[in-house]
Amino acid sequence: MGTRLLAEKLIKAEFPAIKYLRVHTTGKGIATIYAWDENFKIDDVNMRKLSEFGTNEILAHVYFNVKPYDQLMVDAIPDYQEPSEIIVEAALTGGLNKEGIIRTINKIFPDIDLVYNGYDSGSGNVNFYVSDSDRITQIEREIIEQYVSEIIPLGGTVQI
């Protein structure tokens, strides 16, 4: 299930010269690979190879753009926050359905009732809500959204 963390792991294994790497969903069915080698460069040949690798080995239904790593700031991609070990394990294992996503989040937030609220194929948004939303803070909501985004496939976005 091509999550961001799994994609990065696969890319690092296939392209050991890539030292700086970040994969980010940038639209419905679109992900961008930001990469540099140890010399803070990425050439056109490796950009093409990375794009092909993304489509052929990570997710066939996602279009993979490739940009130099320094474009993270230009594209205003949020800073990466290391997720909890439970999220990392789920993202690297993959294959979660909506129930698996909810179970994973409930391991971290056992007192909330996260409910799947459908997939919007027009926007690529996976929607969840917290049934008793008065019980969580805005920060907790943002963390839950970040964690869910780590365990869904690239090319999709999350809204809580």
C-alpha atoms as a PDB file:
ATOM      1  CA  MET A   1       0.000   0.000   0.000  1.00  0.00           C
ATOM      2  CA  GLY A   2       2.314   2.871  -1.065  1.00  0.00           C
ATOM      3  CA  THR A   3       2.478   5.069   2.002  1.00  0.00           C
ATOM      4  CA  ARG A   4       4.956   7.925   2.189  1.00  0.00           C
ATOM      5  CA  LEU A   5       7.229   6.101   4.641  1.00  0.00           C
ATOM      6  CA  LEU A   6       7.191   2.901   2.598  1.00  0.00           C
ATOM      7  CA  ALA A   7       7.910   4.854  -0.598  1.00  0.00           C
ATOM      8  CA  GLU A   8      10.894   6.552   1.033  1.00  0.00           C
ATOM      9  CA  LYS A   9      12.221   3.223   2.300  1.00  0.00           C
ATOM     10  CA  LEU A  10      11.931   1.641  -1.154  1.00  0.00           C
ATOM     11  CA  ILE A  11      13.544   4.625  -2.871  1.00  0.00           C
ATOM     12  CA  LYS A  12      16.485   4.635  -0.425  1.00  0.00           C
ATOM     13  CA  ALA A  13      17.030   0.927  -1.032  1.00  0.00           C
ATOM     14  CA  GLU A  14      16.933   1.290  -4.821  1.00  0.00           C
ATOM     15  CA  PHE A  15      18.832   4.591  -5.026  1.00  0.00           C
ATOM     16  CA  PRO A  16      21.526   4.496  -2.319  1.00  0.00           C
ATOM     17  CA  ALA A  17      23.165   7.678  -3.697  1.00  0.00           C
ATOM     18  CA  ILE A  18      20.073   9.676  -2.649  1.00  0.00           C
ATOM     19  CA  LYS A  19      20.937  11.205   0.727  1.00  0.00           C
ATOM     20  CA  TYR A  20      18.116  13.740   1.119  1.00  0.00           C
ATOM     21  CA  LEU A  21      14.621  12.485   0.418  1.00  0.00           C
ATOM     22  CA  ARG A  22      11.040  13.420   1.046  1.00  0.00           C
ATOM     23  CA  VAL A  23       7.914  12.137  -0.686  1.00  0.00           C
ATOM     24  CA  HIS A  24       4.737  14.168  -0.389  1.00  0.00           C
ATOM     25  CA  THR A  25       1.209  13.945  -1.798  1.00  0.00           C
ATOM     26  CA  THR A  26       0.767  17.105  -3.828  1.00  0.00           C
ATOM     27  CA  GLY A  27      -2.654  16.487  -5.326  1.00  0.00           C
ATOM     28  CA  LYS A  28      -5.255  13.875  -6.169  1.00  0.00           C
ATOM     29  CA  GLY A  29      -3.293  10.980  -7.595  1.00  0.00           C
ATOM     30  CA  ILE A  30      -0.063  12.992  -7.565  1.00  0.00           C
ATOM     31  CA  ALA A  31       2.999  12.670  -5.364  1.00  0.00           C
ATOM     32  CA  THR A  32       6.263  14.565  -5.526  1.00  0.00           C
ATOM     33  CA  ILE A  33       9.639  13.052  -4.747  1.00  0.00           C
ATOM     34  CA  TYR A  34      12.092  15.657  -3.456  1.00  0.00           C
ATOM     35  CA  ALA A  35      15.642  14.331  -3.644  1.00  0.00           C
ATOM     36  CA  TRP A  36      19.322  15.233  -3.609  1.00  0.00           C
ATOM     37  CA  ASP A  37      22.505  13.241  -3.633  1.00  0.00           C
ATOM     38  CA  GLU A  38      25.417  13.923  -1.272  1.00  0.00           C
ATOM     39  CA  ASN A  39      26.468  16.850  -3.493  1.00  0.00           C
ATOM     40  CA  PHE A  40      23.067  18.537  -3.062  1.00  0.00           C
ATOM     41  CA  LYS A  41      22.075  17.785  -6.663  1.00  0.00           C
ATOM     42  CA  ILE A  42      19.792  15.572  -8.685  1.00  0.00           C
ATOM     43  CA  ASP A  43      20.380  15.182 -12.398  1.00  0.00           C
ATOM     44  CA  ASP A  44      17.756  14.739 -15.117  1.00  0.00           C
ATOM     45  CA  VAL A  45      18.569  11.043 -15.570  1.00  0.00           C
ATOM     46  CA  ASN A  46      17.944  10.248 -11.898  1.00  0.00           C
ATOM     47  CA  MET A  47      14.843  12.432 -11.855  1.00  0.00           C
ATOM     48  CA  ARG A  48      13.405  10.355 -14.715  1.00  0.00           C
ATOM     49  CA  LYS A  49      14.460   7.085 -13.042  1.00  0.00           C
ATOM     50  CA  LEU A  50      12.865   8.125  -9.743  1.00  0.00           C
ATOM     51  CA  SER A  51       9.609   9.039 -11.475  1.00  0.00           C
ATOM     52  CA  GLU A  52       9.526   5.703 -13.302  1.00  0.00           C
ATOM     53  CA  PHE A  53      10.385   3.830 -10.118  1.00  0.00           C
ATOM     54  CA  GLY A  54       7.551   5.547  -8.279  1.00  0.00           C
ATOM     55  CA  THR A  55       4.992   4.536 -10.863  1.00  0.00           C
ATOM     56  CA  ASN A  56       6.363   1.051 -11.547  1.00  0.00           C
ATOM     57  CA  GLU A  57       7.299  -0.028  -8.018  1.00  0.00           C
ATOM     58  CA  ILE A  58       5.357   2.091  -5.530  1.00  0.00           C
ATOM     59  CA  LEU A  59       1.906   2.945  -6.905  1.00  0.00           C
ATOM     60  CA  ALA A  60       0.911   2.553 -10.543  1.00  0.00           C
ATOM     61  CA  HIS A  61      -2.124   4.859 -10.233  1.00  0.00           C
ATOM     62  CA  VAL A  62      -0.100   7.795  -8.852  1.00  0.00           C
ATOM     63  CA  TYR A  63       1.858  10.200 -11.013  1.00  0.00           C
ATOM     64  CA  PHE A  64       5.259  10.930  -9.455  1.00  0.00           C
ATOM     65  CA  ASN A  65       6.857  14.332 -10.021  1.00  0.00           C
ATOM     66  CA  VAL A  66      10.503  14.617  -9.064  1.00  0.00           C
ATOM     67  CA  LYS A  67      12.087  17.853  -7.887  1.00  0.00           C
ATOM     68  CA  PRO A  68      15.346  18.903  -6.261  1.00  0.00           C
ATOM     69  CA  TYR A  69      15.167  18.649  -2.471  1.00  0.00           C
ATOM     70  CA  ASP A  70      15.452  22.404  -1.948  1.00  0.00           C
ATOM     71  CA  GLN A  71      12.073  22.845  -3.657  1.00  0.00           C
ATOM     72  CA  LEU A  72      10.412  21.651  -0.428  1.00  0.00           C
ATOM     73  CA  MET A  73      10.590  25.216   0.859  1.00  0.00           C
ATOM     74  CA  VAL A  74       9.510  26.775  -2.441  1.00  0.00           C
ATOM     75  CA  ASP A  75       6.500  24.442  -2.564  1.00  0.00           C
ATOM     76  CA  ALA A  76       5.717  25.210   1.111  1.00  0.00           C
ATOM     77  CA  ILE A  77       5.745  21.541   2.121  1.00  0.00           C
ATOM     78  CA  PRO A  78       5.291  21.297   5.904  1.00  0.00           C
ATOM     79  CA  ASP A  79       8.206  20.220   8.051  1.00  0.00           C
ATOM     80  CA  TYR A  80       8.350  16.507   8.665  1.00  0.00           C
ATOM     81  CA  GLN A  81       7.438  15.396  12.163  1.00  0.00           C
ATOM     82  CA  GLU A  82       8.505  11.874  13.076  1.00  0.00           C
ATOM     83  CA  PRO A  83       5.281   9.953  13.794  1.00  0.00           C
ATOM     84  CA  SER A  84       4.834   7.515  16.648  1.00  0.00           C
ATOM     85  CA  GLU A  85       6.338   4.050  16.304  1.00  0.00           C
ATOM     86  CA  ILE A  86       2.829   2.589  15.963  1.00  0.00           C
ATOM     87  CA  ILE A  87       2.244   4.777  12.891  1.00  0.00           C
ATOM     88  CA  VAL A  88       5.662   3.983  11.401  1.00  0.00           C
ATOM     89  CA  GLU A  89       5.013   0.248  11.787  1.00  0.00           C
ATOM     90  CA  ALA A  90       1.553   0.532  10.201  1.00  0.00           C
ATOM     91  CA  ALA A  91       2.873   2.669   7.331  1.00  0.00           C
ATOM     92  CA  LEU A  92       5.721   0.291   6.559  1.00  0.00           C
ATOM     93  CA  THR A  93       3.517  -2.801   6.824  1.00  0.00           C
ATOM     94  CA  GLY A  94       0.790  -1.285   4.666  1.00  0.00           C
ATOM     95  CA  GLY A  95      -2.444  -2.846   3.584  1.00  0.00           C
ATOM     96  CA  LEU A  96      -4.690  -1.073   6.073  1.00  0.00           C
ATOM     97  CA  ASN A  97      -8.366  -0.692   5.269  1.00  0.00           C
ATOM     98  CA  LYS A  98     -10.610   1.842   7.008  1.00  0.00           C
ATOM     99  CA  GLU A  99     -11.058  -0.428  10.043  1.00  0.00           C
ATOM    100  CA  GLY A 100      -7.295  -0.950  10.284  1.00  0.00           C
ATOM    101  CA  ILE A 101      -6.708   2.798  10.142  1.00  0.00           C
ATOM    102  CA  ILE A 102      -9.209   3.352  12.948  1.00  0.00           C
ATOM    103  CA  ARG A 103      -7.675   0.538  15.069  1.00  0.00           C
ATOM    104  CA  THR A 104      -4.206   2.021  14.579  1.00  0.00           C
ATOM    105  CA  ILE A 105      -5.298   5.514  15.609  1.00  0.00           C
ATOM    106  CA  ASN A 106      -7.207   4.103  18.585  1.00  0.00           C
ATOM    107  CA  LYS A 107      -3.987   2.512  19.869  1.00  0.00           C
ATOM    108  CA  ILE A 108      -2.616   6.035  20.268  1.00  0.00           C
ATOM    109  CA  PHE A 109      -5.858   7.817  21.153  1.00  0.00           C
ATOM    110  CA  PRO A 110      -7.955   5.145  22.921  1.00  0.00           C
ATOM    111  CA  ASP A 111     -10.522   7.627  24.218  1.00  0.00           C
ATOM    112  CA  ILE A 112     -11.693   8.970  20.871  1.00  0.00           C
ATOM    113  CA  ASP A 113     -14.252   7.532  18.500  1.00  0.00           C
ATOM    114  CA  LEU A 114     -12.800   8.001  15.013  1.00  0.00           C
ATOM    115  CA  VAL A 115     -15.394   7.238  12.339  1.00  0.00           C
ATOM    116  CA  TYR A 116     -14.851   6.724   8.609  1.00  0.00           C
ATOM    117  CA  ASN A 117     -16.971   9.191   6.657  1.00  0.00           C
ATOM    118  CA  GLY A 118     -16.297   8.178   3.073  1.00  0.00           C
ATOM    119  CA  TYR A 119     -13.951   8.828   0.204  1.00  0.00           C
ATOM    120  CA  ASP A 120     -14.424  11.794  -2.110  1.00  0.00           C
ATOM    121  CA  SER A 121     -13.219  10.592  -5.509  1.00  0.00           C
ATOM    122  CA  GLY A 122     -13.403  14.125  -6.890  1.00  0.00           C
ATOM    123  CA  SER A 123     -10.846  15.498  -4.444  1.00  0.00           C
ATOM    124  CA  GLY A 124      -9.031  12.314  -3.428  1.00  0.00           C
ATOM    125  CA  ASN A 125      -9.934  13.073   0.174  1.00  0.00           C
ATOM    126  CA  VAL A 126     -10.404  10.302   2.750  1.00  0.00           C
ATOM    127  CA  ASN A 127     -12.809  11.674   5.342  1.00  0.00           C
ATOM    128  CA  PHE A 128     -13.022  10.758   9.004  1.00  0.00           C
ATOM    129  CA  TYR A 129     -14.667  12.484  11.928  1.00  0.00           C
ATOM    130  CA  VAL A 130     -14.495  12.242  15.686  1.00  0.00           C
ATOM    131  CA  SER A 131     -17.998  11.490  16.951  1.00  0.00           C
ATOM    132  CA  ASP A 132     -17.513  13.479  20.144  1.00  0.00           C
ATOM    133  CA  SER A 133     -15.308  16.220  18.696  1.00  0.00           C
ATOM    134  CA  ASP A 134     -15.706  18.401  21.794  1.00  0.00           C
ATOM    135  CA  ARG A 135     -13.454  15.924  23.599  1.00  0.00           C
ATOM    136  CA  ILE A 136     -10.349  16.627  21.512  1.00  0.00           C
ATOM    137  CA  THR A 137      -8.295  19.751  21.093  1.00  0.00           C
ATOM    138  CA  GLN A 138      -7.337  21.329  17.794  1.00  0.00           C
ATOM    139  CA  ILE A 139      -3.769  20.103  18.301  1.00  0.00           C
ATOM    140  CA  GLU A 140      -4.985  16.525  18.824  1.00  0.00           C
ATOM    141  CA  ARG A 141      -7.119  16.820  15.677  1.00  0.00           C
ATOM    142  CA  GLU A 142      -4.075  17.981  13.690  1.00  0.00           C
ATOM    143  CA  ILE A 143      -1.964  15.119  15.057  1.00  0.00           C
ATOM    144  CA  ILE A 144      -4.663  12.585  14.196  1.00  0.00           C
ATOM    145  CA  GLU A 145      -4.896  14.044  10.689  1.00  0.00           C
ATOM    146  CA  GLN A 146      -1.116  13.853  10.293  1.00  0.00           C
ATOM    147  CA  TYR A 147      -1.029  10.261  11.555  1.00  0.00           C
ATOM    148  CA  VAL A 148      -3.863   9.122   9.291  1.00  0.00           C
ATOM    149  CA  SER A 149      -2.154  10.776   6.323  1.00  0.00           C
ATOM    150  CA  GLU A 150       0.921   8.642   7.078  1.00  0.00           C
ATOM    151  CA  ILE A 151      -1.015   5.373   6.811  1.00  0.00           C
ATOM    152  CA  ILE A 152      -3.076   6.020   3.686  1.00  0.00           C
ATOM    153  CA  PRO A 153      -1.595   5.601   0.210  1.00  0.00           C
ATOM    154  CA  LEU A 154       0.219   8.438  -1.531  1.00  0.00           C
ATOM    155  CA  GLY A 155      -2.018  10.453  -3.825  1.00  0.00           C
ATOM    156  CA  GLY A 156      -4.785  10.738  -1.245  1.00  0.00           C
ATOM    157  CA  THR A 157      -5.390  13.365   1.417  1.00  0.00           C
ATOM    158  CA  VAL A 158      -7.101  13.246   4.787  1.00  0.00           C
ATOM    159  CA  GLN A 159      -9.667  15.422   6.446  1.00  0.00           C
ATOM    160  CA  ILE A 160     -10.761  14.966  10.064  1.00  0.00           C
END
